[in-house]
């Protein structure tokens, strides 16, 4: 994937929806392993390793096919339609969740047996 391939599905001006998975934060017990950012609308969702897999659910609901990692130091893009990984344009800041936010997160919600609960 290149920037040219993904242009219709990427809006670089849209900021992320928040510091963590939107749906997980709306519940009292939601938590995630890693975070993904929708390149079209900025929705932050949890990855497929996470129990709730909200990023993939967002793609299924909206058909927004391109996500970008929302982890510090990662700038890769992924296309749900074909499984391609690649590069893309800079997106509106911030580029990742807060660096002091733990992984998995958020702080205080991750169960002690979290490794038994992830999707592999």
C-alpha atoms as a PDB file:
ATOM      1  CA  UNK A   1       0.000   0.000   0.000  1.00  0.00           C
ATOM      2  CA  UNK A   2       1.181   3.485  -0.769  1.00  0.00           C
ATOM      3  CA  UNK A   3      -0.258   6.889  -0.042  1.00  0.00           C
ATOM      4  CA  UNK A   4      -1.638   7.045  -3.572  1.00  0.00           C
ATOM      5  CA  UNK A   5      -3.471   3.726  -3.172  1.00  0.00           C
ATOM      6  CA  UNK A   6      -5.169   4.775   0.046  1.00  0.00           C
ATOM      7  CA  UNK A   7      -6.055   8.436  -0.585  1.00  0.00           C
ATOM      8  CA  UNK A   8      -9.871   8.007  -0.766  1.00  0.00           C
ATOM      9  CA  UNK A   9      -9.848   6.143   2.562  1.00  0.00           C
ATOM     10  CA  UNK A  10      -7.512   8.477   4.468  1.00  0.00           C
ATOM     11  CA  UNK A  11      -8.298  11.911   5.847  1.00  0.00           C
ATOM     12  CA  UNK A  12      -5.067  13.300   7.339  1.00  0.00           C
ATOM     13  CA  UNK A  13      -6.889  16.264   8.904  1.00  0.00           C
ATOM     14  CA  UNK A  14      -9.095  14.226  11.267  1.00  0.00           C
ATOM     15  CA  UNK A  15      -7.765  13.945  14.834  1.00  0.00           C
ATOM     16  CA  UNK A  16      -8.007  10.700  16.797  1.00  0.00           C
ATOM     17  CA  UNK A  17     -11.164  10.114  18.833  1.00  0.00           C
ATOM     18  CA  UNK A  18      -9.252   9.970  22.123  1.00  0.00           C
ATOM     19  CA  UNK A  19      -6.422   8.377  24.096  1.00  0.00           C
ATOM     20  CA  UNK A  20      -7.831   4.842  24.033  1.00  0.00           C
ATOM     21  CA  UNK A  21     -10.390   2.490  22.525  1.00  0.00           C
ATOM     22  CA  UNK A  22     -13.627   4.446  22.312  1.00  0.00           C
ATOM     23  CA  UNK A  23     -15.888   1.476  23.097  1.00  0.00           C
ATOM     24  CA  UNK A  24     -13.692   0.014  25.848  1.00  0.00           C
ATOM     25  CA  UNK A  25     -13.595   3.387  27.606  1.00  0.00           C
ATOM     26  CA  UNK A  26     -17.405   3.564  27.518  1.00  0.00           C
ATOM     27  CA  UNK A  27     -17.633   0.519  29.803  1.00  0.00           C
ATOM     28  CA  UNK A  28     -16.343   0.071  33.319  1.00  0.00           C
ATOM     29  CA  UNK A  29     -14.395  -3.096  32.528  1.00  0.00           C
ATOM     30  CA  UNK A  30     -13.157  -2.580  28.952  1.00  0.00           C
ATOM     31  CA  UNK A  31      -9.445  -2.955  28.245  1.00  0.00           C
ATOM     32  CA  UNK A  32      -7.137  -3.499  25.287  1.00  0.00           C
ATOM     33  CA  UNK A  33      -3.770  -4.879  24.270  1.00  0.00           C
ATOM     34  CA  UNK A  34      -2.884  -2.455  21.457  1.00  0.00           C
ATOM     35  CA  UNK A  35      -4.694   0.428  19.789  1.00  0.00           C
ATOM     36  CA  UNK A  36      -5.518   1.135  16.145  1.00  0.00           C
ATOM     37  CA  UNK A  37      -6.655   4.378  14.508  1.00  0.00           C
ATOM     38  CA  UNK A  38      -9.119   4.595  11.629  1.00  0.00           C
ATOM     39  CA  UNK A  39      -7.438   6.641   8.912  1.00  0.00           C
ATOM     40  CA  UNK A  40     -10.795   7.893   7.602  1.00  0.00           C
ATOM     41  CA  UNK A  41     -12.540   9.162  10.737  1.00  0.00           C
ATOM     42  CA  UNK A  42     -10.013   8.952  13.602  1.00  0.00           C
ATOM     43  CA  UNK A  43     -11.890   6.285  15.578  1.00  0.00           C
ATOM     44  CA  UNK A  44      -9.590   4.600  18.082  1.00  0.00           C
ATOM     45  CA  UNK A  45     -10.311   0.913  18.558  1.00  0.00           C
ATOM     46  CA  UNK A  46      -8.575  -2.047  20.137  1.00  0.00           C
ATOM     47  CA  UNK A  47      -6.601  -4.562  18.075  1.00  0.00           C
ATOM     48  CA  UNK A  48      -7.616  -8.110  17.203  1.00  0.00           C
ATOM     49  CA  UNK A  49      -5.496  -9.516  20.029  1.00  0.00           C
ATOM     50  CA  UNK A  50      -7.697  -7.564  22.456  1.00  0.00           C
ATOM     51  CA  UNK A  51     -10.803  -9.291  23.832  1.00  0.00           C
ATOM     52  CA  UNK A  52     -13.319  -7.003  22.103  1.00  0.00           C
ATOM     53  CA  UNK A  53     -11.600  -6.365  18.744  1.00  0.00           C
ATOM     54  CA  UNK A  54     -13.279  -2.982  18.288  1.00  0.00           C
ATOM     55  CA  UNK A  55     -11.063  -1.828  15.416  1.00  0.00           C
ATOM     56  CA  UNK A  56     -12.221  -4.687  13.198  1.00  0.00           C
ATOM     57  CA  UNK A  57     -15.809  -4.143  14.355  1.00  0.00           C
ATOM     58  CA  UNK A  58     -15.503  -0.481  13.313  1.00  0.00           C
ATOM     59  CA  UNK A  59     -14.345  -1.561   9.840  1.00  0.00           C
ATOM     60  CA  UNK A  60     -17.303  -3.966   9.510  1.00  0.00           C
ATOM     61  CA  UNK A  61     -19.781  -1.286  10.605  1.00  0.00           C
ATOM     62  CA  UNK A  62     -18.398   1.628   8.571  1.00  0.00           C
ATOM     63  CA  UNK A  63     -16.418   0.005   5.742  1.00  0.00           C
ATOM     64  CA  UNK A  64     -13.502   2.336   6.593  1.00  0.00           C
ATOM     65  CA  UNK A  65     -10.753  -0.037   5.425  1.00  0.00           C
ATOM     66  CA  UNK A  66      -7.469   1.619   6.470  1.00  0.00           C
ATOM     67  CA  UNK A  67      -6.108   1.717  10.011  1.00  0.00           C
ATOM     68  CA  UNK A  68      -2.844   2.970  11.436  1.00  0.00           C
ATOM     69  CA  UNK A  69      -1.142   1.808  14.586  1.00  0.00           C
ATOM     70  CA  UNK A  70      -1.843   4.102  17.535  1.00  0.00           C
ATOM     71  CA  UNK A  71       1.164   2.829  19.476  1.00  0.00           C
ATOM     72  CA  UNK A  72       4.160   5.070  20.256  1.00  0.00           C
ATOM     73  CA  UNK A  73       6.933   4.670  17.692  1.00  0.00           C
ATOM     74  CA  UNK A  74       4.763   2.782  15.163  1.00  0.00           C
ATOM     75  CA  UNK A  75       3.576   4.367  11.919  1.00  0.00           C
ATOM     76  CA  UNK A  76       2.413   1.417   9.806  1.00  0.00           C
ATOM     77  CA  UNK A  77      -0.929   1.279   8.000  1.00  0.00           C
ATOM     78  CA  UNK A  78      -3.087  -1.816   7.393  1.00  0.00           C
ATOM     79  CA  UNK A  79      -5.804  -2.382   4.796  1.00  0.00           C
ATOM     80  CA  UNK A  80      -8.596  -4.685   5.997  1.00  0.00           C
ATOM     81  CA  UNK A  81      -9.722  -5.380   2.417  1.00  0.00           C
ATOM     82  CA  UNK A  82      -6.607  -7.235   1.341  1.00  0.00           C
ATOM     83  CA  UNK A  83      -4.423  -7.587   4.453  1.00  0.00           C
ATOM     84  CA  UNK A  84      -1.704  -5.337   3.042  1.00  0.00           C
ATOM     85  CA  UNK A  85       0.544  -3.377   5.366  1.00  0.00           C
ATOM     86  CA  UNK A  86       2.349  -0.276   4.231  1.00  0.00           C
ATOM     87  CA  UNK A  87       2.984   3.393   4.641  1.00  0.00           C
ATOM     88  CA  UNK A  88       0.787   6.433   4.392  1.00  0.00           C
ATOM     89  CA  UNK A  89       0.668  10.149   5.064  1.00  0.00           C
ATOM     90  CA  UNK A  90       1.179  11.848   8.404  1.00  0.00           C
ATOM     91  CA  UNK A  91      -2.103  12.039  10.292  1.00  0.00           C
ATOM     92  CA  UNK A  92      -3.373  14.803  12.574  1.00  0.00           C
ATOM     93  CA  UNK A  93      -1.772  14.686  16.024  1.00  0.00           C
ATOM     94  CA  UNK A  94      -1.419  13.018  18.351  1.00  0.00           C
ATOM     95  CA  UNK A  95       0.214  10.092  16.557  1.00  0.00           C
ATOM     96  CA  UNK A  96      -0.223   7.646  19.440  1.00  0.00           C
ATOM     97  CA  UNK A  97      -1.814   7.129  22.795  1.00  0.00           C
ATOM     98  CA  UNK A  98      -0.025   8.900  25.663  1.00  0.00           C
ATOM     99  CA  UNK A  99       3.417   7.385  26.184  1.00  0.00           C
ATOM    100  CA  UNK A 100       2.732   6.967  29.920  1.00  0.00           C
ATOM    101  CA  UNK A 101      -0.386   4.874  29.223  1.00  0.00           C
ATOM    102  CA  UNK A 102       0.429   1.222  29.941  1.00  0.00           C
ATOM    103  CA  UNK A 103       0.213  -1.602  27.420  1.00  0.00           C
ATOM    104  CA  UNK A 104      -2.101  -3.339  27.849  1.00  0.00           C
ATOM    105  CA  UNK A 105      -4.332  -0.593  29.139  1.00  0.00           C
ATOM    106  CA  UNK A 106      -5.909   1.440  30.446  1.00  0.00           C
ATOM    107  CA  UNK A 107      -4.318   1.514  33.875  1.00  0.00           C
ATOM    108  CA  UNK A 108      -6.442  -0.101  36.552  1.00  0.00           C
ATOM    109  CA  UNK A 109      -8.670  -2.115  34.206  1.00  0.00           C
ATOM    110  CA  UNK A 110      -6.416  -4.868  32.903  1.00  0.00           C
ATOM    111  CA  UNK A 111      -7.132  -8.164  34.686  1.00  0.00           C
ATOM    112  CA  UNK A 112      -4.203 -10.003  36.220  1.00  0.00           C
ATOM    113  CA  UNK A 113      -4.866 -12.989  33.931  1.00  0.00           C
ATOM    114  CA  UNK A 114      -4.965 -10.840  30.790  1.00  0.00           C
ATOM    115  CA  UNK A 115      -2.625 -13.109  28.840  1.00  0.00           C
ATOM    116  CA  UNK A 116      -5.184 -15.920  29.172  1.00  0.00           C
ATOM    117  CA  UNK A 117      -7.874 -13.666  27.683  1.00  0.00           C
ATOM    118  CA  UNK A 118      -6.181 -12.419  24.504  1.00  0.00           C
ATOM    119  CA  UNK A 119      -6.887 -13.693  21.009  1.00  0.00           C
ATOM    120  CA  UNK A 120      -3.933 -15.447  19.431  1.00  0.00           C
END
